[in-house]
Amino acid sequence: MKYNLNYKLIGVRIKNVRLKRKLTQDSLSEKVEIGVQHMNKIENGKAPLSLTCIVKIANALETTVDHLLMDNVAAASTPHLLDEIKNILDDCTPEEIYLIAELAKTLKNGVRTKNLQPAEQL
């Protein structure tokens, strides 16, 4: 079974962690020992990553490879995403949590309805 990685999602996650760590593309690319242009392509999902490169990026960002790949590895996704949702809700009021939960229900129904339509109608 062939599986294609979603490099765009990996790039977005790398960029988000990099910004959270207050690193520039230049400083991250220097730590990873790749060119700034290549780092830019990685963050924009326009360049595939080798295993060595993703490990170097994870180490430089002080995160884990599974965190960077979690959108691509189904078994690893759920626990990390639930943690991420919990972190998002941590500083919310009860009213905000209620509204977000209602929006999540509506969004889930919309996603499931969209996934049931034939591809040519999307």
N, C-alpha and C. Protein backbone atom coordinates (compact mmCIF):
# COMPACT_ATOMS: atom_id res chain seq x y z
N MET A 1 0.84 -1.18 0.00
CA MET A 1 0.00 0.00 0.00
C MET A 1 0.89 1.24 0.00
N LYS A 2 0.66 2.11 -0.96
CA LYS A 2 1.43 3.34 -1.07
C LYS A 2 0.73 4.45 -0.30
N TYR A 3 1.49 5.25 0.43
CA TYR A 3 0.94 6.34 1.21
C TYR A 3 1.76 7.59 0.93
N ASN A 4 1.09 8.65 0.56
CA ASN A 4 1.76 9.91 0.29
C ASN A 4 1.65 10.83 1.50
N LEU A 5 2.76 11.39 1.92
CA LEU A 5 2.75 12.34 3.03
C LEU A 5 2.20 13.68 2.56
N ASN A 6 1.52 14.37 3.44
CA ASN A 6 1.01 15.70 3.15
C ASN A 6 2.07 16.71 3.60
N TYR A 7 2.95 17.08 2.67
CA TYR A 7 4.07 17.95 3.00
C TYR A 7 3.60 19.35 3.39
N LYS A 8 2.46 19.77 2.89
CA LYS A 8 1.91 21.09 3.25
C LYS A 8 1.60 21.12 4.75
N LEU A 9 0.93 20.07 5.26
CA LEU A 9 0.61 20.02 6.68
C LEU A 9 1.87 19.93 7.55
N ILE A 10 2.84 19.16 7.08
CA ILE A 10 4.10 19.05 7.83
C ILE A 10 4.77 20.42 7.88
N GLY A 11 4.79 21.12 6.75
CA GLY A 11 5.39 22.45 6.69
C GLY A 11 4.71 23.45 7.60
N VAL A 12 3.40 23.42 7.63
CA VAL A 12 2.64 24.32 8.50
C VAL A 12 2.98 24.05 9.96
N ARG A 13 3.05 22.78 10.32
CA ARG A 13 3.36 22.42 11.71
C ARG A 13 4.79 22.87 12.06
N ILE A 14 5.74 22.67 11.15
CA ILE A 14 7.12 23.12 11.38
C ILE A 14 7.15 24.63 11.59
N LYS A 15 6.47 25.35 10.72
CA LYS A 15 6.44 26.82 10.83
C LYS A 15 5.82 27.27 12.14
N ASN A 16 4.71 26.65 12.54
CA ASN A 16 4.05 27.02 13.79
C ASN A 16 4.96 26.81 14.99
N VAL A 17 5.65 25.66 15.03
CA VAL A 17 6.56 25.39 16.15
C VAL A 17 7.73 26.37 16.10
N ARG A 18 8.25 26.63 14.90
CA ARG A 18 9.37 27.57 14.77
C ARG A 18 8.99 28.95 15.30
N LEU A 19 7.80 29.42 14.92
CA LEU A 19 7.35 30.74 15.39
C LEU A 19 7.11 30.74 16.90
N LYS A 20 6.58 29.65 17.41
CA LYS A 20 6.36 29.53 18.85
C LYS A 20 7.69 29.60 19.60
N ARG A 21 8.74 29.05 19.00
CA ARG A 21 10.08 29.07 19.61
C ARG A 21 10.82 30.38 19.31
N LYS A 22 10.15 31.28 18.57
CA LYS A 22 10.72 32.59 18.22
C LYS A 22 12.03 32.46 17.43
N LEU A 23 12.01 31.52 16.48
CA LEU A 23 13.15 31.32 15.59
C LEU A 23 12.82 31.85 14.21
N THR A 24 13.81 32.35 13.52
CA THR A 24 13.64 32.73 12.12
C THR A 24 13.91 31.52 11.24
N GLN A 25 13.49 31.61 9.99
CA GLN A 25 13.82 30.54 9.04
C GLN A 25 15.33 30.42 8.91
N ASP A 26 15.99 31.55 8.95
CA ASP A 26 17.45 31.57 8.81
C ASP A 26 18.11 30.82 9.96
N SER A 27 17.68 31.10 11.19
CA SER A 27 18.32 30.43 12.34
C SER A 27 17.99 28.94 12.37
N LEU A 28 16.75 28.58 12.01
CA LEU A 28 16.40 27.16 11.98
C LEU A 28 17.17 26.43 10.88
N SER A 29 17.25 27.03 9.71
CA SER A 29 17.98 26.37 8.61
C SER A 29 19.45 26.20 8.95
N GLU A 30 20.00 27.15 9.69
CA GLU A 30 21.41 27.03 10.12
C GLU A 30 21.57 25.86 11.09
N LYS A 31 20.65 25.72 12.04
CA LYS A 31 20.72 24.60 12.99
C LYS A 31 20.57 23.25 12.30
N VAL A 32 19.73 23.23 11.25
CA VAL A 32 19.44 21.98 10.54
C VAL A 32 20.47 21.72 9.45
N GLU A 33 21.27 22.72 9.15
CA GLU A 33 22.32 22.64 8.13
C GLU A 33 21.75 22.47 6.72
N ILE A 34 20.72 23.29 6.43
CA ILE A 34 20.19 23.36 5.07
C ILE A 34 20.05 24.83 4.70
N GLY A 35 19.86 25.11 3.43
CA GLY A 35 19.72 26.48 2.98
C GLY A 35 18.38 27.09 3.38
N VAL A 36 18.35 28.41 3.51
CA VAL A 36 17.13 29.12 3.88
C VAL A 36 16.05 28.89 2.83
N GLN A 37 16.42 28.90 1.55
CA GLN A 37 15.43 28.67 0.49
C GLN A 37 14.81 27.28 0.61
N HIS A 38 15.61 26.30 0.95
CA HIS A 38 15.09 24.94 1.12
C HIS A 38 14.14 24.89 2.32
N MET A 39 14.50 25.58 3.41
CA MET A 39 13.63 25.63 4.59
C MET A 39 12.31 26.29 4.23
N ASN A 40 12.38 27.34 3.43
CA ASN A 40 11.16 28.02 2.99
C ASN A 40 10.27 27.07 2.19
N LYS A 41 10.87 26.31 1.30
CA LYS A 41 10.12 25.33 0.50
C LYS A 41 9.51 24.25 1.39
N ILE A 42 10.24 23.82 2.40
CA ILE A 42 9.71 22.81 3.33
C ILE A 42 8.49 23.36 4.05
N GLU A 43 8.61 24.58 4.58
CA GLU A 43 7.50 25.18 5.33
C GLU A 43 6.28 25.44 4.44
N ASN A 44 6.50 25.61 3.17
CA ASN A 44 5.39 25.86 2.25
C ASN A 44 4.90 24.58 1.57
N GLY A 45 5.45 23.44 1.98
CA GLY A 45 5.01 22.16 1.44
C GLY A 45 5.44 21.90 0.02
N LYS A 46 6.48 22.59 -0.42
CA LYS A 46 6.93 22.47 -1.81
C LYS A 46 8.18 21.63 -1.97
N ALA A 47 8.65 21.07 -0.84
CA ALA A 47 9.85 20.22 -0.90
C ALA A 47 9.65 19.04 0.04
N PRO A 48 9.92 17.83 -0.44
CA PRO A 48 9.83 16.67 0.45
C PRO A 48 10.99 16.69 1.44
N LEU A 49 10.81 15.99 2.55
CA LEU A 49 11.85 15.93 3.58
C LEU A 49 12.39 14.51 3.69
N SER A 50 13.67 14.41 3.87
CA SER A 50 14.25 13.10 4.17
C SER A 50 14.03 12.82 5.65
N LEU A 51 14.19 11.56 6.01
CA LEU A 51 14.07 11.19 7.42
C LEU A 51 15.11 11.94 8.25
N THR A 52 16.32 12.04 7.74
CA THR A 52 17.38 12.76 8.44
C THR A 52 16.99 14.22 8.66
N CYS A 53 16.43 14.84 7.65
CA CYS A 53 16.05 16.26 7.74
C CYS A 53 14.93 16.47 8.77
N ILE A 54 13.92 15.63 8.75
CA ILE A 54 12.82 15.80 9.70
C ILE A 54 13.29 15.59 11.13
N VAL A 55 14.22 14.66 11.33
CA VAL A 55 14.77 14.43 12.67
C VAL A 55 15.59 15.65 13.12
N LYS A 56 16.40 16.20 12.22
CA LYS A 56 17.19 17.39 12.55
C LYS A 56 16.27 18.58 12.88
N ILE A 57 15.21 18.74 12.11
CA ILE A 57 14.26 19.83 12.36
C ILE A 57 13.59 19.65 13.72
N ALA A 58 13.13 18.43 14.00
CA ALA A 58 12.49 18.16 15.29
C ALA A 58 13.44 18.46 16.44
N ASN A 59 14.69 18.03 16.32
CA ASN A 59 15.68 18.28 17.38
C ASN A 59 15.94 19.78 17.54
N ALA A 60 16.09 20.49 16.43
CA ALA A 60 16.35 21.92 16.49
C ALA A 60 15.17 22.68 17.11
N LEU A 61 13.95 22.18 16.88
CA LEU A 61 12.76 22.83 17.42
C LEU A 61 12.39 22.31 18.81
N GLU A 62 13.19 21.38 19.31
CA GLU A 62 12.93 20.77 20.62
C GLU A 62 11.52 20.19 20.69
N THR A 63 11.17 19.46 19.65
CA THR A 63 9.88 18.77 19.58
C THR A 63 10.14 17.35 19.10
N THR A 64 9.09 16.62 18.85
CA THR A 64 9.26 15.24 18.40
C THR A 64 8.86 15.11 16.94
N VAL A 65 9.41 14.10 16.30
CA VAL A 65 9.05 13.82 14.91
C VAL A 65 7.57 13.50 14.80
N ASP A 66 7.04 12.74 15.77
CA ASP A 66 5.61 12.40 15.68
C ASP A 66 4.74 13.63 15.78
N HIS A 67 5.18 14.65 16.52
CA HIS A 67 4.40 15.90 16.57
C HIS A 67 4.37 16.57 15.19
N LEU A 68 5.50 16.56 14.51
CA LEU A 68 5.56 17.19 13.19
C LEU A 68 4.79 16.39 12.13
N LEU A 69 4.75 15.07 12.31
CA LEU A 69 4.08 14.19 11.33
C LEU A 69 2.65 13.83 11.72
N MET A 70 2.17 14.29 12.86
CA MET A 70 0.91 13.76 13.39
C MET A 70 -0.27 13.86 12.45
N ASP A 71 -0.28 14.79 11.54
CA ASP A 71 -1.38 14.87 10.58
C ASP A 71 -1.30 13.76 9.54
N ASN A 72 -0.16 13.11 9.47
CA ASN A 72 0.05 12.07 8.47
C ASN A 72 0.02 10.66 9.03
N VAL A 73 0.12 10.53 10.33
CA VAL A 73 0.13 9.22 10.95
C VAL A 73 -1.15 9.09 11.77
N ALA A 74 -2.10 8.33 11.23
CA ALA A 74 -3.42 8.26 11.84
C ALA A 74 -3.39 7.85 13.30
N ALA A 75 -2.61 6.84 13.65
CA ALA A 75 -2.59 6.35 15.02
C ALA A 75 -2.02 7.38 15.99
N ALA A 76 -1.12 8.23 15.51
CA ALA A 76 -0.49 9.22 16.38
C ALA A 76 -1.30 10.50 16.48
N SER A 77 -2.21 10.72 15.56
CA SER A 77 -2.92 11.99 15.48
C SER A 77 -3.82 12.28 16.65
N THR A 78 -4.66 11.34 17.03
CA THR A 78 -5.70 11.61 18.00
C THR A 78 -5.18 12.13 19.34
N PRO A 79 -4.23 11.47 20.00
CA PRO A 79 -3.79 12.00 21.30
C PRO A 79 -3.21 13.41 21.21
N HIS A 80 -2.42 13.68 20.18
CA HIS A 80 -1.82 15.01 20.03
C HIS A 80 -2.89 16.06 19.74
N LEU A 81 -3.84 15.72 18.89
CA LEU A 81 -4.88 16.68 18.57
C LEU A 81 -5.77 16.96 19.78
N LEU A 82 -6.06 15.95 20.56
CA LEU A 82 -6.86 16.16 21.77
C LEU A 82 -6.10 17.06 22.76
N ASP A 83 -4.80 16.86 22.88
CA ASP A 83 -3.98 17.74 23.73
C ASP A 83 -4.01 19.17 23.20
N GLU A 84 -3.92 19.31 21.89
CA GLU A 84 -3.93 20.63 21.27
C GLU A 84 -5.27 21.32 21.52
N ILE A 85 -6.37 20.58 21.38
CA ILE A 85 -7.70 21.15 21.65
C ILE A 85 -7.81 21.57 23.11
N LYS A 86 -7.31 20.72 24.03
CA LYS A 86 -7.35 21.06 25.45
C LYS A 86 -6.58 22.35 25.71
N ASN A 87 -5.41 22.49 25.10
CA ASN A 87 -4.62 23.71 25.27
C ASN A 87 -5.35 24.94 24.75
N ILE A 88 -6.06 24.78 23.66
CA ILE A 88 -6.82 25.89 23.10
C ILE A 88 -7.92 26.33 24.06
N LEU A 89 -8.57 25.36 24.70
CA LEU A 89 -9.71 25.65 25.57
C LEU A 89 -9.32 26.03 27.00
N ASP A 90 -8.08 25.83 27.37
CA ASP A 90 -7.65 26.06 28.77
C ASP A 90 -8.02 27.42 29.33
N ASP A 91 -7.91 28.48 28.54
CA ASP A 91 -8.18 29.82 29.07
C ASP A 91 -9.55 30.35 28.68
N CYS A 92 -10.43 29.48 28.20
CA CYS A 92 -11.77 29.89 27.78
C CYS A 92 -12.74 29.90 28.96
N THR A 93 -13.71 30.79 28.87
CA THR A 93 -14.79 30.81 29.86
C THR A 93 -15.75 29.67 29.53
N PRO A 94 -16.62 29.29 30.48
CA PRO A 94 -17.61 28.25 30.19
C PRO A 94 -18.48 28.60 28.97
N GLU A 95 -18.83 29.86 28.84
CA GLU A 95 -19.65 30.28 27.70
C GLU A 95 -18.89 30.09 26.38
N GLU A 96 -17.60 30.43 26.38
CA GLU A 96 -16.79 30.26 25.17
C GLU A 96 -16.66 28.78 24.82
N ILE A 97 -16.46 27.95 25.85
CA ILE A 97 -16.34 26.50 25.61
C ILE A 97 -17.63 25.97 25.01
N TYR A 98 -18.78 26.41 25.52
CA TYR A 98 -20.07 25.97 24.98
C TYR A 98 -20.20 26.37 23.50
N LEU A 99 -19.89 27.62 23.17
CA LEU A 99 -19.99 28.08 21.79
C LEU A 99 -19.03 27.31 20.87
N ILE A 100 -17.82 27.08 21.34
CA ILE A 100 -16.84 26.33 20.54
C ILE A 100 -17.32 24.90 20.33
N ALA A 101 -17.90 24.29 21.36
CA ALA A 101 -18.42 22.92 21.23
C ALA A 101 -19.56 22.87 20.21
N GLU A 102 -20.44 23.87 20.24
CA GLU A 102 -21.54 23.92 19.27
C GLU A 102 -21.01 24.10 17.85
N LEU A 103 -20.01 24.96 17.69
CA LEU A 103 -19.38 25.15 16.37
C LEU A 103 -18.71 23.86 15.90
N ALA A 104 -18.06 23.15 16.83
CA ALA A 104 -17.40 21.89 16.48
C ALA A 104 -18.41 20.86 15.99
N LYS A 105 -19.57 20.79 16.65
CA LYS A 105 -20.62 19.86 16.23
C LYS A 105 -21.10 20.19 14.82
N THR A 106 -21.33 21.47 14.56
CA THR A 106 -21.79 21.91 13.24
C THR A 106 -20.74 21.62 12.19
N LEU A 107 -19.49 21.91 12.50
CA LEU A 107 -18.39 21.66 11.57
C LEU A 107 -18.26 20.17 11.28
N LYS A 108 -18.35 19.34 12.30
CA LYS A 108 -18.26 17.88 12.12
C LYS A 108 -19.35 17.39 11.19
N ASN A 109 -20.58 17.86 11.41
CA ASN A 109 -21.69 17.45 10.53
C ASN A 109 -21.45 17.90 9.10
N GLY A 110 -20.93 19.11 8.92
CA GLY A 110 -20.64 19.61 7.59
C GLY A 110 -19.56 18.81 6.89
N VAL A 111 -18.51 18.47 7.62
CA VAL A 111 -17.42 17.67 7.06
C VAL A 111 -17.93 16.30 6.65
N ARG A 112 -18.71 15.69 7.51
CA ARG A 112 -19.23 14.36 7.20
C ARG A 112 -20.19 14.41 6.02
N THR A 113 -21.01 15.44 5.92
CA THR A 113 -21.92 15.59 4.79
C THR A 113 -21.13 15.77 3.50
N LYS A 114 -20.09 16.60 3.54
CA LYS A 114 -19.24 16.84 2.36
C LYS A 114 -18.57 15.55 1.92
N ASN A 115 -18.10 14.75 2.87
CA ASN A 115 -17.41 13.50 2.54
C ASN A 115 -18.35 12.46 1.94
N LEU A 116 -19.64 12.61 2.11
CA LEU A 116 -20.60 11.67 1.55
C LEU A 116 -20.97 11.99 0.10
N GLN A 117 -20.66 13.22 -0.34
CA GLN A 117 -20.99 13.62 -1.70
C GLN A 117 -20.01 12.99 -2.69
N PRO A 118 -20.48 12.69 -3.91
CA PRO A 118 -19.56 12.22 -4.95
C PRO A 118 -18.51 13.30 -5.23
N ALA A 119 -17.29 12.89 -5.54
CA ALA A 119 -16.16 13.81 -5.73
C ALA A 119 -16.44 14.88 -6.77
N GLU A 120 -17.15 14.56 -7.85
CA GLU A 120 -17.37 15.55 -8.90
C GLU A 120 -18.29 16.68 -8.47
N GLN A 121 -19.01 16.52 -7.35
CA GLN A 121 -19.90 17.58 -6.87
C GLN A 121 -19.21 18.51 -5.91
N LEU A 122 -18.01 18.20 -5.45
CA LEU A 122 -17.31 19.02 -4.47
C LEU A 122 -16.68 20.22 -5.11
